[in-house]
Amino acid sequence: VQLVESGGGLVQAGGSLRLSCAASGSIFSLTAMGWYRQAPGKQRELVAHITSGGSTNYADSVKGRFTISRDNAKNTVYLQMNSLKPGDTAVYYCADPEHWGQGTQVTVSS
């Protein structure tokens, strides 16, 4: 199984980014997926999660600003991030229950 993230970058506070995670080698439609992030000096934390059936949940810090979605036909999970804050700066990872992607850097400038 391979998970490949893309879409990170540098954005000003208040801006938006959309992260993508393409999965291969798994039965993607049957697999719950999550987005995690790790800021320098901090532990990795769950940002958003989506079940195979499409149910979602979010960290309190991103509720109302981030949206996780999936396209099973494309074996891809997305994280739409709006109203970004400097505190959102981190490496963002996608994961299924057994595998992790390599991460993509998101930097939000003030």
PDB file of N, CA and C in Angstrom:
ATOM      1  N   VAL A   1       0.843  -1.183   0.000  1.00  0.00           N
ATOM      2  CA  VAL A   1       0.000   0.000   0.000  1.00  0.00           C
ATOM      3  C   VAL A   1       0.883   1.240   0.000  1.00  0.00           C
ATOM      4  N   GLN A   2       0.538   2.185  -0.849  1.00  0.00           N
ATOM      5  CA  GLN A   2       1.285   3.436  -0.917  1.00  0.00           C
ATOM      6  C   GLN A   2       0.313   4.590  -0.816  1.00  0.00           C
ATOM      7  N   LEU A   3       0.642   5.545   0.039  1.00  0.00           N
ATOM      8  CA  LEU A   3      -0.145   6.757   0.214  1.00  0.00           C
ATOM      9  C   LEU A   3       0.739   7.942  -0.135  1.00  0.00           C
ATOM     10  N   VAL A   4       0.292   8.769  -1.061  1.00  0.00           N
ATOM     11  CA  VAL A   4       1.103   9.883  -1.535  1.00  0.00           C
ATOM     12  C   VAL A   4       0.316  11.182  -1.391  1.00  0.00           C
ATOM     13  N   GLU A   5       0.810  12.063  -0.509  1.00  0.00           N
ATOM     14  CA  GLU A   5       0.164  13.350  -0.286  1.00  0.00           C
ATOM     15  C   GLU A   5       0.696  14.397  -1.262  1.00  0.00           C
ATOM     16  N   SER A   6      -0.140  15.379  -1.528  1.00  0.00           N
ATOM     17  CA  SER A   6       0.262  16.533  -2.331  1.00  0.00           C
ATOM     18  C   SER A   6      -0.614  17.719  -1.950  1.00  0.00           C
ATOM     19  N   GLY A   7      -0.193  18.903  -2.377  1.00  0.00           N
ATOM     20  CA  GLY A   7      -1.013  20.087  -2.169  1.00  0.00           C
ATOM     21  C   GLY A   7      -0.552  21.025  -1.084  1.00  0.00           C
ATOM     22  N   GLY A   8       0.497  20.652  -0.354  1.00  0.00           N
ATOM     23  CA  GLY A   8       0.991  21.548   0.670  1.00  0.00           C
ATOM     24  C   GLY A   8       1.682  22.755   0.066  1.00  0.00           C
ATOM     25  N   GLY A   9       2.038  23.698   0.941  1.00  0.00           N
ATOM     26  CA  GLY A   9       2.720  24.893   0.465  1.00  0.00           C
ATOM     27  C   GLY A   9       2.692  25.992   1.480  1.00  0.00           C
ATOM     28  N   LEU A  10       3.035  27.188   1.011  1.00  0.00           N
ATOM     29  CA  LEU A  10       3.061  28.382   1.852  1.00  0.00           C
ATOM     30  C   LEU A  10       1.844  29.242   1.517  1.00  0.00           C
ATOM     31  N   VAL A  11       1.121  29.653   2.539  1.00  0.00           N
ATOM     32  CA  VAL A  11      -0.076  30.462   2.336  1.00  0.00           C
ATOM     33  C   VAL A  11      -0.163  31.492   3.451  1.00  0.00           C
ATOM     34  N   GLN A  12      -0.759  32.629   3.154  1.00  0.00           N
ATOM     35  CA  GLN A  12      -0.960  33.640   4.194  1.00  0.00           C
ATOM     36  C   GLN A  12      -2.135  33.270   5.085  1.00  0.00           C
ATOM     37  N   ALA A  13      -2.106  33.780   6.291  1.00  0.00           N
ATOM     38  CA  ALA A  13      -3.214  33.569   7.217  1.00  0.00           C
ATOM     39  C   ALA A  13      -4.521  34.012   6.564  1.00  0.00           C
ATOM     40  N   GLY A  14      -5.555  33.194   6.758  1.00  0.00           N
ATOM     41  CA  GLY A  14      -6.843  33.458   6.134  1.00  0.00           C
ATOM     42  C   GLY A  14      -7.020  32.784   4.796  1.00  0.00           C
ATOM     43  N   GLY A  15      -5.947  32.253   4.257  1.00  0.00           N
ATOM     44  CA  GLY A  15      -5.995  31.602   2.963  1.00  0.00           C
ATOM     45  C   GLY A  15      -6.462  30.159   3.043  1.00  0.00           C
ATOM     46  N   SER A  16      -6.438  29.496   1.886  1.00  0.00           N
ATOM     47  CA  SER A  16      -6.928  28.117   1.779  1.00  0.00           C
ATOM     48  C   SER A  16      -5.921  27.240   1.030  1.00  0.00           C
ATOM     49  N   LEU A  17      -5.957  25.983   1.359  1.00  0.00           N
ATOM     50  CA  LEU A  17      -5.210  24.959   0.632  1.00  0.00           C
ATOM     51  C   LEU A  17      -6.060  23.698   0.582  1.00  0.00           C
ATOM     52  N   ARG A  18      -5.853  22.888  -0.445  1.00  0.00           N
ATOM     53  CA  ARG A  18      -6.482  21.572  -0.491  1.00  0.00           C
ATOM     54  C   ARG A  18      -5.399  20.514  -0.617  1.00  0.00           C
ATOM     55  N   LEU A  19      -5.360  19.632   0.348  1.00  0.00           N
ATOM     56  CA  LEU A  19      -4.433  18.515   0.315  1.00  0.00           C
ATOM     57  C   LEU A  19      -5.113  17.305  -0.318  1.00  0.00           C
ATOM     58  N   SER A  20      -4.333  16.525  -1.034  1.00  0.00           N
ATOM     59  CA  SER A  20      -4.814  15.286  -1.632  1.00  0.00           C
ATOM     60  C   SER A  20      -3.928  14.136  -1.180  1.00  0.00           C
ATOM     61  N   CYS A  21      -4.523  12.957  -1.093  1.00  0.00           N
ATOM     62  CA  CYS A  21      -3.774  11.754  -0.748  1.00  0.00           C
ATOM     63  C   CYS A  21      -4.260  10.639  -1.669  1.00  0.00           C
ATOM     64  N   ALA A  22      -3.377  10.207  -2.542  1.00  0.00           N
ATOM     65  CA  ALA A  22      -3.706   9.143  -3.479  1.00  0.00           C
ATOM     66  C   ALA A  22      -3.229   7.807  -2.918  1.00  0.00           C
ATOM     67  N   ALA A  23      -4.136   6.845  -2.898  1.00  0.00           N
ATOM     68  CA  ALA A  23      -3.827   5.532  -2.343  1.00  0.00           C
ATOM     69  C   ALA A  23      -3.737   4.500  -3.452  1.00  0.00           C
ATOM     70  N   SER A  24      -2.807   3.600  -3.297  1.00  0.00           N
ATOM     71  CA  SER A  24      -2.690   2.490  -4.237  1.00  0.00           C
ATOM     72  C   SER A  24      -2.399   1.218  -3.462  1.00  0.00           C
ATOM     73  N   GLY A  25      -2.822   0.106  -4.024  1.00  0.00           N
ATOM     74  CA  GLY A  25      -2.514  -1.173  -3.398  1.00  0.00           C
ATOM     75  C   GLY A  25      -3.443  -1.580  -2.284  1.00  0.00           C
ATOM     76  N   SER A  26      -4.559  -0.896  -2.131  1.00  0.00           N
ATOM     77  CA  SER A  26      -5.490  -1.253  -1.069  1.00  0.00           C
ATOM     78  C   SER A  26      -6.909  -1.238  -1.623  1.00  0.00           C
ATOM     79  N   ILE A  27      -7.824  -1.804  -0.863  1.00  0.00           N
ATOM     80  CA  ILE A  27      -9.243  -1.706  -1.219  1.00  0.00           C
ATOM     81  C   ILE A  27      -9.734  -0.406  -0.618  1.00  0.00           C
ATOM     82  N   PHE A  28      -9.445   0.678  -1.313  1.00  0.00           N
ATOM     83  CA  PHE A  28      -9.618   2.016  -0.758  1.00  0.00           C
ATOM     84  C   PHE A  28     -11.042   2.256  -0.284  1.00  0.00           C
ATOM     85  N   SER A  29     -12.029   1.809  -1.051  1.00  0.00           N
ATOM     86  CA  SER A  29     -13.415   2.133  -0.721  1.00  0.00           C
ATOM     87  C   SER A  29     -13.854   1.517   0.603  1.00  0.00           C
ATOM     88  N   LEU A  30     -13.151   0.519   1.072  1.00  0.00           N
ATOM     89  CA  LEU A  30     -13.503  -0.161   2.319  1.00  0.00           C
ATOM     90  C   LEU A  30     -12.664   0.317   3.501  1.00  0.00           C
ATOM     91  N   THR A  31     -11.825   1.308   3.277  1.00  0.00           N
ATOM     92  CA  THR A  31     -10.815   1.703   4.267  1.00  0.00           C
ATOM     93  C   THR A  31     -11.100   3.081   4.828  1.00  0.00           C
ATOM     94  N   ALA A  32     -11.125   3.176   6.149  1.00  0.00           N
ATOM     95  CA  ALA A  32     -11.191   4.481   6.791  1.00  0.00           C
ATOM     96  C   ALA A  32      -9.863   5.203   6.597  1.00  0.00           C
ATOM     97  N   MET A  33      -9.941   6.517   6.447  1.00  0.00           N
ATOM     98  CA  MET A  33      -8.747   7.318   6.207  1.00  0.00           C
ATOM     99  C   MET A  33      -8.702   8.504   7.173  1.00  0.00           C
ATOM    100  N   GLY A  34      -7.495   8.929   7.475  1.00  0.00           N
ATOM    101  CA  GLY A  34      -7.342  10.073   8.364  1.00  0.00           C
ATOM    102  C   GLY A  34      -6.261  11.013   7.883  1.00  0.00           C
ATOM    103  N   TRP A  35      -6.407  12.267   8.259  1.00  0.00           N
ATOM    104  CA  TRP A  35      -5.356  13.275   8.107  1.00  0.00           C
ATOM    105  C   TRP A  35      -4.832  13.620   9.493  1.00  0.00           C
ATOM    106  N   TYR A  36      -3.524  13.630   9.611  1.00  0.00           N
ATOM    107  CA  TYR A  36      -2.844  13.961  10.846  1.00  0.00           C
ATOM    108  C   TYR A  36      -1.864  15.098  10.563  1.00  0.00           C
ATOM    109  N   ARG A  37      -1.412  15.744  11.622  1.00  0.00           N
ATOM    110  CA  ARG A  37      -0.377  16.752  11.451  1.00  0.00           C
ATOM    111  C   ARG A  37       0.579  16.730  12.627  1.00  0.00           C
ATOM    112  N   GLN A  38       1.795  17.173  12.342  1.00  0.00           N
ATOM    113  CA  GLN A  38       2.810  17.267  13.379  1.00  0.00           C
ATOM    114  C   GLN A  38       3.585  18.560  13.199  1.00  0.00           C
ATOM    115  N   ALA A  39       3.472  19.407  14.205  1.00  0.00           N
ATOM    116  CA  ALA A  39       4.209  20.665  14.221  1.00  0.00           C
ATOM    117  C   ALA A  39       5.551  20.451  14.922  1.00  0.00           C
ATOM    118  N   PRO A  40       6.535  21.297  14.661  1.00  0.00           N
ATOM    119  CA  PRO A  40       7.842  21.135  15.306  1.00  0.00           C
ATOM    120  C   PRO A  40       7.720  21.114  16.825  1.00  0.00           C
ATOM    121  N   GLY A  41       8.311  20.110  17.436  1.00  0.00           N
ATOM    122  CA  GLY A  41       8.325  20.008  18.888  1.00  0.00           C
ATOM    123  C   GLY A  41       7.033  19.512  19.503  1.00  0.00           C
ATOM    124  N   LYS A  42       6.079  19.125  18.655  1.00  0.00           N
ATOM    125  CA  LYS A  42       4.786  18.653  19.169  1.00  0.00           C
ATOM    126  C   LYS A  42       4.515  17.232  18.698  1.00  0.00           C
ATOM    127  N   GLN A  43       3.590  16.593  19.378  1.00  0.00           N
ATOM    128  CA  GLN A  43       3.197  15.246  18.993  1.00  0.00           C
ATOM    129  C   GLN A  43       2.290  15.284  17.768  1.00  0.00           C
ATOM    130  N   ARG A  44       2.308  14.201  17.019  1.00  0.00           N
ATOM    131  CA  ARG A  44       1.398  14.072  15.885  1.00  0.00           C
ATOM    132  C   ARG A  44      -0.023  13.983  16.418  1.00  0.00           C
ATOM    133  N   GLU A  45      -0.932  14.696  15.733  1.00  0.00           N
ATOM    134  CA  GLU A  45      -2.317  14.718  16.192  1.00  0.00           C
ATOM    135  C   GLU A  45      -3.261  14.452  15.027  1.00  0.00           C
ATOM    136  N   LEU A  46      -4.413  13.869  15.372  1.00  0.00           N
ATOM    137  CA  LEU A  46      -5.441  13.634  14.365  1.00  0.00           C
ATOM    138  C   LEU A  46      -6.129  14.955  14.037  1.00  0.00           C
ATOM    139  N   VAL A  47      -6.254  15.243  12.759  1.00  0.00           N
ATOM    140  CA  VAL A  47      -6.944  16.445  12.297  1.00  0.00           C
ATOM    141  C   VAL A  47      -8.365  16.115  11.869  1.00  0.00           C
ATOM    142  N   ALA A  48      -8.514  15.078  11.044  1.00  0.00           N
ATOM    143  CA  ALA A  48      -9.824  14.710  10.515  1.00  0.00           C
ATOM    144  C   ALA A  48      -9.805  13.242  10.123  1.00  0.00           C
ATOM    145  N   HIS A  49     -10.991  12.657  10.164  1.00  0.00           N
ATOM    146  CA  HIS A  49     -11.122  11.220   9.893  1.00  0.00           C
ATOM    147  C   HIS A  49     -12.391  10.995   9.097  1.00  0.00           C
ATOM    148  N   ILE A  50     -12.329  10.045   8.161  1.00  0.00           N
ATOM    149  CA  ILE A  50     -13.516   9.705   7.381  1.00  0.00           C
ATOM    150  C   ILE A  50     -13.605   8.192   7.270  1.00  0.00           C
ATOM    151  N   THR A  51     -14.786   7.654   7.558  1.00  0.00           N
ATOM    152  CA  THR A  51     -14.984   6.219   7.473  1.00  0.00           C
ATOM    153  C   THR A  51     -15.227   5.797   6.024  1.00  0.00           C
ATOM    154  N   SER A  52     -15.272   4.497   5.821  1.00  0.00           N
ATOM    155  CA  SER A  52     -15.564   4.006   4.470  1.00  0.00           C
ATOM    156  C   SER A  52     -16.957   4.440   4.023  1.00  0.00           C
ATOM    157  N   GLY A  53     -17.851   4.655   4.977  1.00  0.00           N
ATOM    158  CA  GLY A  53     -19.198   5.079   4.651  1.00  0.00           C
ATOM    159  C   GLY A  53     -19.368   6.571   4.521  1.00  0.00           C
ATOM    160  N   GLY A  54     -18.299   7.323   4.790  1.00  0.00           N
ATOM    161  CA  GLY A  54     -18.343   8.770   4.621  1.00  0.00           C
ATOM    162  C   GLY A  54     -18.602   9.573   5.878  1.00  0.00           C
ATOM    163  N   SER A  55     -18.720   8.918   7.020  1.00  0.00           N
ATOM    164  CA  SER A  55     -18.887   9.660   8.267  1.00  0.00           C
ATOM    165  C   SER A  55     -17.568  10.334   8.635  1.00  0.00           C
ATOM    166  N   THR A  56     -17.672  11.557   9.150  1.00  0.00           N
ATOM    167  CA  THR A  56     -16.472  12.336   9.427  1.00  0.00           C
ATOM    168  C   THR A  56     -16.419  12.806  10.866  1.00  0.00           C
ATOM    169  N   ASN A  57     -15.217  13.046  11.338  1.00  0.00           N
ATOM    170  CA  ASN A  57     -15.046  13.761  12.596  1.00  0.00           C
ATOM    171  C   ASN A  57     -13.762  14.566  12.516  1.00  0.00           C
ATOM    172  N   TYR A  58     -13.695  15.604  13.367  1.00  0.00           N
ATOM    173  CA  TYR A  58     -12.633  16.591  13.291  1.00  0.00           C
ATOM    174  C   TYR A  58     -12.088  16.940  14.668  1.00  0.00           C
ATOM    175  N   ALA A  59     -10.840  17.329  14.694  1.00  0.00           N
ATOM    176  CA  ALA A  59     -10.287  17.925  15.893  1.00  0.00           C
ATOM    177  C   ALA A  59     -11.013  19.237  16.165  1.00  0.00           C
ATOM    178  N   ASP A  60     -11.212  19.565  17.428  1.00  0.00           N
ATOM    179  CA  ASP A  60     -11.915  20.797  17.774  1.00  0.00           C
ATOM    180  C   ASP A  60     -11.247  22.022  17.158  1.00  0.00           C
ATOM    181  N   SER A  61      -9.943  21.985  17.035  1.00  0.00           N
ATOM    182  CA  SER A  61      -9.203  23.147  16.552  1.00  0.00           C
ATOM    183  C   SER A  61      -9.456  23.459  15.078  1.00  0.00           C
ATOM    184  N   VAL A  62     -10.017  22.507  14.330  1.00  0.00           N
ATOM    185  CA  VAL A  62     -10.219  22.735  12.895  1.00  0.00           C
ATOM    186  C   VAL A  62     -11.693  22.673  12.498  1.00  0.00           C
ATOM    187  N   LYS A  63     -12.572  22.373  13.436  1.00  0.00           N
ATOM    188  CA  LYS A  63     -13.996  22.278  13.107  1.00  0.00           C
ATOM    189  C   LYS A  63     -14.492  23.588  12.506  1.00  0.00           C
ATOM    190  N   GLY A  64     -15.244  23.458  11.430  1.00  0.00           N
ATOM    191  CA  GLY A  64     -15.779  24.642  10.765  1.00  0.00           C
ATOM    192  C   GLY A  64     -14.823  25.269   9.769  1.00  0.00           C
ATOM    193  N   ARG A  65     -13.573  24.837   9.765  1.00  0.00           N
ATOM    194  CA  ARG A  65     -12.584  25.397   8.825  1.00  0.00           C
ATOM    195  C   ARG A  65     -12.073  24.341   7.842  1.00  0.00           C
ATOM    196  N   PHE A  66     -11.948  23.118   8.294  1.00  0.00           N
ATOM    197  CA  PHE A  66     -11.411  22.038   7.457  1.00  0.00           C
ATOM    198  C   PHE A  66     -12.527  21.071   7.088  1.00  0.00           C
ATOM    199  N   THR A  67     -12.416  20.478   5.907  1.00  0.00           N
ATOM    200  CA  THR A  67     -13.365  19.470   5.458  1.00  0.00           C
ATOM    201  C   THR A  67     -12.619  18.301   4.842  1.00  0.00           C
ATOM    202  N   ILE A  68     -12.891  17.112   5.339  1.00  0.00           N
ATOM    203  CA  ILE A  68     -12.315  15.905   4.762  1.00  0.00           C
ATOM    204  C   ILE A  68     -13.353  15.269   3.842  1.00  0.00           C
ATOM    205  N   SER A  69     -12.887  14.750   2.726  1.00  0.00           N
ATOM    206  CA  SER A  69     -13.784  14.084   1.790  1.00  0.00           C
ATOM    207  C   SER A  69     -12.998  12.992   1.063  1.00  0.00           C
ATOM    208  N   ARG A  70     -13.737  12.155   0.365  1.00  0.00           N
ATOM    209  CA  ARG A  70     -13.071  11.077  -0.362  1.00  0.00           C
ATOM    210  C   ARG A  70     -13.752  10.856  -1.703  1.00  0.00           C
ATOM    211  N   ASP A  71     -12.975  10.419  -2.664  1.00  0.00           N
ATOM    212  CA  ASP A  71     -13.482  10.045  -3.982  1.00  0.00           C
ATOM    213  C   ASP A  71     -13.012   8.613  -4.210  1.00  0.00           C
ATOM    214  N   ASN A  72     -13.898   7.674  -3.995  1.00  0.00           N
ATOM    215  CA  ASN A  72     -13.504   6.269  -4.097  1.00  0.00           C
ATOM    216  C   ASN A  72     -13.151   5.874  -5.526  1.00  0.00           C
ATOM    217  N   ALA A  73     -13.738   6.543  -6.499  1.00  0.00           N
ATOM    218  CA  ALA A  73     -13.419   6.238  -7.895  1.00  0.00           C
ATOM    219  C   ALA A  73     -11.977   6.611  -8.230  1.00  0.00           C
ATOM    220  N   LYS A  74     -11.441   7.587  -7.504  1.00  0.00           N
ATOM    221  CA  LYS A  74     -10.060   8.035  -7.729  1.00  0.00           C
ATOM    222  C   LYS A  74      -9.100   7.544  -6.649  1.00  0.00           C
ATOM    223  N   ASN A  75      -9.600   6.755  -5.709  1.00  0.00           N
ATOM    224  CA  ASN A  75      -8.760   6.278  -4.597  1.00  0.00           C
ATOM    225  C   ASN A  75      -8.034   7.429  -3.911  1.00  0.00           C
ATOM    226  N   THR A  76      -8.763   8.502  -3.674  1.00  0.00           N
ATOM    227  CA  THR A  76      -8.151   9.720  -3.146  1.00  0.00           C
ATOM    228  C   THR A  76      -8.979  10.286  -2.004  1.00  0.00           C
ATOM    229  N   VAL A  77      -8.287  10.764  -0.986  1.00  0.00           N
ATOM    230  CA  VAL A  77      -8.922  11.475   0.113  1.00  0.00           C
ATOM    231  C   VAL A  77      -8.367  12.902   0.108  1.00  0.00           C
ATOM    232  N   TYR A  78      -9.220  13.839   0.436  1.00  0.00           N
ATOM    233  CA  TYR A  78      -8.881  15.265   0.385  1.00  0.00           C
ATOM    234  C   TYR A  78      -9.025  15.904   1.759  1.00  0.00           C
ATOM    235  N   LEU A  79      -8.308  16.991   1.950  1.00  0.00           N
ATOM    236  CA  LEU A  79      -8.508  17.842   3.112  1.00  0.00           C
ATOM    237  C   LEU A  79      -8.551  19.281   2.618  1.00  0.00           C
ATOM    238  N   GLN A  80      -9.741  19.849   2.603  1.00  0.00           N
ATOM    239  CA  GLN A  80      -9.903  21.252   2.254  1.00  0.00           C
ATOM    240  C   GLN A  80      -9.704  22.082   3.510  1.00  0.00           C
ATOM    241  N   MET A  81      -8.757  22.999   3.460  1.00  0.00           N
ATOM    242  CA  MET A  81      -8.412  23.802   4.631  1.00  0.00           C
ATOM    243  C   MET A  81      -8.668  25.271   4.316  1.00  0.00           C
ATOM    244  N   ASN A  82      -9.612  25.856   5.035  1.00  0.00           N
ATOM    245  CA  ASN A  82      -9.959  27.269   4.854  1.00  0.00           C
ATOM    246  C   ASN A  82      -9.630  28.058   6.108  1.00  0.00           C
ATOM    247  N   SER A  83      -9.594  29.351   5.968  1.00  0.00           N
ATOM    248  CA  SER A  83      -9.323  30.246   7.103  1.00  0.00           C
ATOM    249  C   SER A  83      -8.095  29.782   7.886  1.00  0.00           C
ATOM    250  N   LEU A  84      -7.043  29.514   7.165  1.00  0.00           N
ATOM    251  CA  LEU A  84      -5.838  28.972   7.796  1.00  0.00           C
ATOM    252  C   LEU A  84      -5.209  29.975   8.754  1.00  0.00           C
ATOM    253  N   LYS A  85      -4.625  29.423   9.818  1.00  0.00           N
ATOM    254  CA  LYS A  85      -3.984  30.215  10.853  1.00  0.00           C
ATOM    255  C   LYS A  85      -2.516  29.797  10.973  1.00  0.00           C
ATOM    256  N   PRO A  86      -1.667  30.658  11.502  1.00  0.00           N
ATOM    257  CA  PRO A  86      -0.261  30.249  11.694  1.00  0.00           C
ATOM    258  C   PRO A  86      -0.135  28.984  12.540  1.00  0.00           C
ATOM    259  N   GLY A  87      -1.057  28.779  13.455  1.00  0.00           N
ATOM    260  CA  GLY A  87      -1.042  27.574  14.286  1.00  0.00           C
ATOM    261  C   GLY A  87      -1.325  26.296  13.525  1.00  0.00           C
ATOM    262  N   ASP A  88      -1.772  26.416  12.269  1.00  0.00           N
ATOM    263  CA  ASP A  88      -1.983  25.231  11.437  1.00  0.00           C
ATOM    264  C   ASP A  88      -0.698  24.759  10.757  1.00  0.00           C
ATOM    265  N   THR A  89       0.358  25.507  10.900  1.00  0.00           N
ATOM    266  CA  THR A  89       1.635  25.135  10.289  1.00  0.00           C
ATOM    267  C   THR A  89       2.129  23.807  10.844  1.00  0.00           C
ATOM    268  N   ALA A  90       2.385  22.875   9.939  1.00  0.00           N
ATOM    269  CA  ALA A  90       2.795  21.523  10.342  1.00  0.00           C
ATOM    270  C   ALA A  90       3.079  20.704   9.089  1.00  0.00           C
ATOM    271  N   VAL A  91       3.619  19.520   9.309  1.00  0.00           N
ATOM    272  CA  VAL A  91       3.648  18.507   8.259  1.00  0.00           C
ATOM    273  C   VAL A  91       2.355  17.704   8.379  1.00  0.00           C
ATOM    274  N   TYR A  92       1.655  17.597   7.277  1.00  0.00           N
ATOM    275  CA  TYR A  92       0.379  16.895   7.256  1.00  0.00           C
ATOM    276  C   TYR A  92       0.564  15.521   6.609  1.00  0.00           C
ATOM    277  N   TYR A  93       0.013  14.507   7.267  1.00  0.00           N
ATOM    278  CA  TYR A  93       0.138  13.129   6.815  1.00  0.00           C
ATOM    279  C   TYR A  93      -1.254  12.532   6.606  1.00  0.00           C
ATOM    280  N   CYS A  94      -1.400  11.717   5.588  1.00  0.00           N
ATOM    281  CA  CYS A  94      -2.600  10.893   5.510  1.00  0.00           C
ATOM    282  C   CYS A  94      -2.231   9.476   5.932  1.00  0.00           C
ATOM    283  N   ALA A  95      -3.232   8.762   6.394  1.00  0.00           N
ATOM    284  CA  ALA A  95      -2.988   7.416   6.906  1.00  0.00           C
ATOM    285  C   ALA A  95      -4.245   6.583   6.812  1.00  0.00           C
ATOM    286  N   ASP A  96      -4.042   5.294   6.593  1.00  0.00           N
ATOM    287  CA  ASP A  96      -5.104   4.330   6.828  1.00  0.00           C
ATOM    288  C   ASP A  96      -4.743   3.589   8.113  1.00  0.00           C
ATOM    289  N   PRO A  97      -5.498   2.610   8.548  1.00  0.00           N
ATOM    290  CA  PRO A  97      -5.190   1.982   9.847  1.00  0.00           C
ATOM    291  C   PRO A  97      -3.807   1.341   9.951  1.00  0.00           C
ATOM    292  N   GLU A  98      -3.131   1.129   8.796  1.00  0.00           N
ATOM    293  CA  GLU A  98      -1.848   0.434   8.881  1.00  0.00           C
ATOM    294  C   GLU A  98      -0.704   1.171   8.192  1.00  0.00           C
ATOM    295  N   HIS A  99      -0.985   2.214   7.440  1.00  0.00           N
ATOM    296  CA  HIS A  99       0.047   2.834   6.622  1.00  0.00           C
ATOM    297  C   HIS A  99       0.003   4.349   6.722  1.00  0.00           C
ATOM    298  N   TRP A 100       1.175   4.956   6.485  1.00  0.00           N
ATOM    299  CA  TRP A 100       1.308   6.402   6.507  1.00  0.00           C
ATOM    300  C   TRP A 100       1.910   6.883   5.187  1.00  0.00           C
ATOM    301  N   GLY A 101       1.489   8.083   4.792  1.00  0.00           N
ATOM    302  CA  GLY A 101       2.165   8.743   3.698  1.00  0.00           C
ATOM    303  C   GLY A 101       3.444   9.405   4.173  1.00  0.00           C
ATOM    304  N   GLN A 102       4.124  10.062   3.237  1.00  0.00           N
ATOM    305  CA  GLN A 102       5.414  10.671   3.566  1.00  0.00           C
ATOM    306  C   GLN A 102       5.255  12.077   4.146  1.00  0.00           C
ATOM    307  N   GLY A 103       4.090  12.645   4.019  1.00  0.00           N
ATOM    308  CA  GLY A 103       3.824  13.968   4.581  1.00  0.00           C
ATOM    309  C   GLY A 103       4.015  15.082   3.577  1.00  0.00           C
ATOM    310  N   THR A 104       3.290  16.167   3.807  1.00  0.00           N
ATOM    311  CA  THR A 104       3.423  17.366   2.987  1.00  0.00           C
ATOM    312  C   THR A 104       3.412  18.579   3.919  1.00  0.00           C
ATOM    313  N   GLN A 105       4.324  19.507   3.672  1.00  0.00           N
ATOM    314  CA  GLN A 105       4.483  20.657   4.553  1.00  0.00           C
ATOM    315  C   GLN A 105       3.434  21.728   4.248  1.00  0.00           C
ATOM    316  N   VAL A 106       2.800  22.213   5.294  1.00  0.00           N
ATOM    317  CA  VAL A 106       1.900  23.363   5.206  1.00  0.00           C
ATOM    318  C   VAL A 106       2.450  24.450   6.115  1.00  0.00           C
ATOM    319  N   THR A 107       2.693  25.608   5.532  1.00  0.00           N
ATOM    320  CA  THR A 107       3.199  26.740   6.297  1.00  0.00           C
ATOM    321  C   THR A 107       2.264  27.921   6.117  1.00  0.00           C
ATOM    322  N   VAL A 108       1.776  28.455   7.225  1.00  0.00           N
ATOM    323  CA  VAL A 108       0.854  29.590   7.195  1.00  0.00           C
ATOM    324  C   VAL A 108       1.567  30.788   7.801  1.00  0.00           C
ATOM    325  N   SER A 109       1.730  31.822   7.008  1.00  0.00           N
ATOM    326  CA  SER A 109       2.420  33.026   7.475  1.00  0.00           C
ATOM    327  C   SER A 109       1.414  34.030   8.028  1.00  0.00           C
ATOM    328  N   SER A 110       1.863  34.799   8.994  1.00  0.00           N
ATOM    329  CA  SER A 110       0.979  35.794   9.612  1.00  0.00           C
ATOM    330  C   SER A 110       1.065  37.135   8.918  1.00  0.00           C
TER     331      SER A 110
END
